[in-house]
Amino acid sequence: QAQLVESGGGLVQPGGSLRLACATSGFTWYYYTIGWFRQTPGKGREAVACISLADDATVFVDSVKGRFTLARDNAKSTVYLQMTGLKPEDTGLYYCKARHFDSGAEYWGQGTEVIVSS
């Protein structure tokens, strides 16, 4: 049974940093990409970043380039979204998703909330 659990969200002032974690279990990492998405009332669900666990290729949405990075800890089966220079528009419910590169099977976590406010 595949499982993803996000953590690390919270309240932070503009310009601050947070590190979100996506702890995974129940599937073979090599065949998946891990994506981070955020959901806000105004924009709906938006893809933020993703990493291929086969070759570490990463993609970021333009609005977070240069501020967000991705990292992985293979021993902990965890992918991290490091967020710096946070802005109020980064506020949202952040989810991670695992997607099999061939079958397209997807697994979602339950989300962690990020609030950027002074």
C-alpha atoms as a PDB file:
ATOM      1  CA  GLN A   1       0.000   0.000   0.000  1.00  0.00           C
ATOM      2  CA  ALA A   2       1.620   3.212  -1.190  1.00  0.00           C
ATOM      3  CA  GLN A   3       1.581   6.033   1.298  1.00  0.00           C
ATOM      4  CA  LEU A   4       2.783   9.629   1.244  1.00  0.00           C
ATOM      5  CA  VAL A   5       2.829  11.845   4.313  1.00  0.00           C
ATOM      6  CA  GLU A   6       3.653  15.548   4.121  1.00  0.00           C
ATOM      7  CA  SER A   7       4.987  17.585   7.013  1.00  0.00           C
ATOM      8  CA  GLY A   8       6.786  20.838   7.708  1.00  0.00           C
ATOM      9  CA  GLY A   9       4.115  23.390   6.965  1.00  0.00           C
ATOM     10  CA  GLY A  10       3.383  26.326   9.202  1.00  0.00           C
ATOM     11  CA  LEU A  11       3.126  30.079   9.564  1.00  0.00           C
ATOM     12  CA  VAL A  12       6.099  32.089   8.340  1.00  0.00           C
ATOM     13  CA  GLN A  13       6.747  35.759   7.666  1.00  0.00           C
ATOM     14  CA  PRO A  14       7.396  37.011   4.151  1.00  0.00           C
ATOM     15  CA  GLY A  15      11.006  36.379   3.226  1.00  0.00           C
ATOM     16  CA  GLY A  16      11.213  33.393   5.523  1.00  0.00           C
ATOM     17  CA  SER A  17      11.925  29.745   4.801  1.00  0.00           C
ATOM     18  CA  LEU A  18      10.292  26.388   5.315  1.00  0.00           C
ATOM     19  CA  ARG A  19      11.251  22.855   4.426  1.00  0.00           C
ATOM     20  CA  LEU A  20       8.425  20.511   3.533  1.00  0.00           C
ATOM     21  CA  ALA A  21       8.936  16.767   3.687  1.00  0.00           C
ATOM     22  CA  CYS A  22       7.155  14.046   1.733  1.00  0.00           C
ATOM     23  CA  ALA A  23       7.781  10.731   3.444  1.00  0.00           C
ATOM     24  CA  THR A  24       6.918   7.787   1.229  1.00  0.00           C
ATOM     25  CA  SER A  25       6.448   4.063   1.640  1.00  0.00           C
ATOM     26  CA  GLY A  26       5.004   1.088  -0.185  1.00  0.00           C
ATOM     27  CA  PHE A  27       6.433   1.561  -3.682  1.00  0.00           C
ATOM     28  CA  THR A  28       9.715   1.283  -5.554  1.00  0.00           C
ATOM     29  CA  TRP A  29      11.193   4.741  -5.862  1.00  0.00           C
ATOM     30  CA  TYR A  30      13.053   4.299  -9.123  1.00  0.00           C
ATOM     31  CA  TYR A  31       9.886   4.099 -11.203  1.00  0.00           C
ATOM     32  CA  TYR A  32       8.268   7.264  -9.921  1.00  0.00           C
ATOM     33  CA  THR A  33       8.348  11.012 -10.036  1.00  0.00           C
ATOM     34  CA  ILE A  34       7.433  12.992  -6.947  1.00  0.00           C
ATOM     35  CA  GLY A  35       5.562  16.211  -7.523  1.00  0.00           C
ATOM     36  CA  TRP A  36       4.661  19.025  -5.168  1.00  0.00           C
ATOM     37  CA  PHE A  37       1.376  20.843  -5.717  1.00  0.00           C
ATOM     38  CA  ARG A  38      -0.345  23.638  -3.860  1.00  0.00           C
ATOM     39  CA  GLN A  39      -3.991  24.503  -3.618  1.00  0.00           C
ATOM     40  CA  THR A  40      -5.329  27.977  -2.967  1.00  0.00           C
ATOM     41  CA  PRO A  41      -8.886  29.289  -3.054  1.00  0.00           C
ATOM     42  CA  GLY A  42      -8.130  31.624  -5.923  1.00  0.00           C
ATOM     43  CA  LYS A  43      -6.004  29.437  -8.200  1.00  0.00           C
ATOM     44  CA  GLY A  44      -7.101  25.917  -7.484  1.00  0.00           C
ATOM     45  CA  ARG A  45      -4.424  23.221  -7.546  1.00  0.00           C
ATOM     46  CA  GLU A  46      -1.104  24.288  -9.088  1.00  0.00           C
ATOM     47  CA  ALA A  47       1.958  22.187  -9.842  1.00  0.00           C
ATOM     48  CA  VAL A  48       4.971  23.673  -8.066  1.00  0.00           C
ATOM     49  CA  ALA A  49       7.877  21.305  -8.627  1.00  0.00           C
ATOM     50  CA  CYS A  50       8.708  17.715  -9.406  1.00  0.00           C
ATOM     51  CA  ILE A  51      11.666  15.384  -9.361  1.00  0.00           C
ATOM     52  CA  SER A  52      12.324  12.187 -11.246  1.00  0.00           C
ATOM     53  CA  LEU A  53      13.546   9.592  -8.801  1.00  0.00           C
ATOM     54  CA  ALA A  54      15.259   7.725 -11.649  1.00  0.00           C
ATOM     55  CA  ASP A  55      17.618  10.497 -12.721  1.00  0.00           C
ATOM     56  CA  ASP A  56      17.053  13.478 -10.348  1.00  0.00           C
ATOM     57  CA  ALA A  57      15.740  15.671 -13.147  1.00  0.00           C
ATOM     58  CA  THR A  58      13.741  18.537 -11.675  1.00  0.00           C
ATOM     59  CA  VAL A  59      11.171  21.001 -12.943  1.00  0.00           C
ATOM     60  CA  PHE A  60       9.861  24.107 -11.204  1.00  0.00           C
ATOM     61  CA  VAL A  61       7.018  26.457 -12.007  1.00  0.00           C
ATOM     62  CA  ASP A  62       8.345  29.868 -13.024  1.00  0.00           C
ATOM     63  CA  SER A  63       6.993  31.611  -9.933  1.00  0.00           C
ATOM     64  CA  VAL A  64       9.240  29.604  -7.588  1.00  0.00           C
ATOM     65  CA  LYS A  65      12.417  29.263  -9.667  1.00  0.00           C
ATOM     66  CA  GLY A  66      15.429  30.474  -7.749  1.00  0.00           C
ATOM     67  CA  ARG A  67      13.555  30.264  -4.433  1.00  0.00           C
ATOM     68  CA  PHE A  68      12.527  26.613  -4.097  1.00  0.00           C
ATOM     69  CA  THR A  69      14.721  23.544  -4.385  1.00  0.00           C
ATOM     70  CA  LEU A  70      14.182  19.813  -4.169  1.00  0.00           C
ATOM     71  CA  ALA A  71      16.237  17.266  -2.301  1.00  0.00           C
ATOM     72  CA  ARG A  72      15.932  13.584  -1.555  1.00  0.00           C
ATOM     73  CA  ASP A  73      16.976  11.257   1.226  1.00  0.00           C
ATOM     74  CA  ASN A  74      17.007   7.743  -0.155  1.00  0.00           C
ATOM     75  CA  ALA A  75      17.560   6.154   3.248  1.00  0.00           C
ATOM     76  CA  LYS A  76      14.396   7.793   4.563  1.00  0.00           C
ATOM     77  CA  SER A  77      12.432   7.524   1.280  1.00  0.00           C
ATOM     78  CA  THR A  78      11.703  11.205   1.669  1.00  0.00           C
ATOM     79  CA  VAL A  79      11.654  14.104  -0.766  1.00  0.00           C
ATOM     80  CA  TYR A  80      12.055  17.637   0.543  1.00  0.00           C
ATOM     81  CA  LEU A  81      10.817  20.914  -0.874  1.00  0.00           C
ATOM     82  CA  GLN A  82      13.057  23.660   0.479  1.00  0.00           C
ATOM     83  CA  MET A  83      11.295  27.003   0.204  1.00  0.00           C
ATOM     84  CA  THR A  84      13.124  30.299   0.698  1.00  0.00           C
ATOM     85  CA  GLY A  85      12.183  33.894   0.051  1.00  0.00           C
ATOM     86  CA  LEU A  86       8.576  33.026   0.782  1.00  0.00           C
ATOM     87  CA  LYS A  87       5.885  35.396  -0.420  1.00  0.00           C
ATOM     88  CA  PRO A  88       2.229  35.743   0.621  1.00  0.00           C
ATOM     89  CA  GLU A  89       1.226  34.248  -2.716  1.00  0.00           C
ATOM     90  CA  ASP A  90       2.999  31.034  -1.721  1.00  0.00           C
ATOM     91  CA  THR A  91       0.301  30.465   0.871  1.00  0.00           C
ATOM     92  CA  GLY A  92      -1.654  27.298   0.310  1.00  0.00           C
ATOM     93  CA  LEU A  93      -2.173  23.655   1.087  1.00  0.00           C
ATOM     94  CA  TYR A  94       0.850  21.770  -0.230  1.00  0.00           C
ATOM     95  CA  TYR A  95       0.504  18.181  -1.417  1.00  0.00           C
ATOM     96  CA  CYS A  96       2.999  15.670  -2.740  1.00  0.00           C
ATOM     97  CA  LYS A  97       2.153  13.095  -5.353  1.00  0.00           C
ATOM     98  CA  ALA A  98       3.948  10.013  -6.602  1.00  0.00           C
ATOM     99  CA  ARG A  99       3.361   9.080 -10.232  1.00  0.00           C
ATOM    100  CA  HIS A 100       4.604   5.914 -11.951  1.00  0.00           C
ATOM    101  CA  PHE A 101       6.418   6.996 -15.110  1.00  0.00           C
ATOM    102  CA  ASP A 102       4.953   4.178 -17.217  1.00  0.00           C
ATOM    103  CA  SER A 103       1.531   3.186 -15.870  1.00  0.00           C
ATOM    104  CA  GLY A 104       0.587   6.639 -14.655  1.00  0.00           C
ATOM    105  CA  ALA A 105      -0.585   5.275 -11.301  1.00  0.00           C
ATOM    106  CA  GLU A 106      -0.751   8.106  -8.781  1.00  0.00           C
ATOM    107  CA  TYR A 107      -0.683   8.367  -5.004  1.00  0.00           C
ATOM    108  CA  TRP A 108      -1.347  11.543  -3.045  1.00  0.00           C
ATOM    109  CA  GLY A 109      -0.545  12.678   0.453  1.00  0.00           C
ATOM    110  CA  GLN A 110      -2.971  14.484   2.726  1.00  0.00           C
ATOM    111  CA  GLY A 111      -1.317  17.901   2.509  1.00  0.00           C
ATOM    112  CA  THR A 112       0.422  20.349   4.797  1.00  0.00           C
ATOM    113  CA  GLU A 113      -0.575  23.993   5.130  1.00  0.00           C
ATOM    114  CA  VAL A 114       1.774  26.882   4.467  1.00  0.00           C
ATOM    115  CA  ILE A 115       0.785  30.396   5.496  1.00  0.00           C
ATOM    116  CA  VAL A 116       3.021  33.296   4.586  1.00  0.00           C
ATOM    117  CA  SER A 117       1.905  36.375   6.462  1.00  0.00           C
ATOM    118  CA  SER A 118       3.243  39.182   8.592  1.00  0.00           C
END
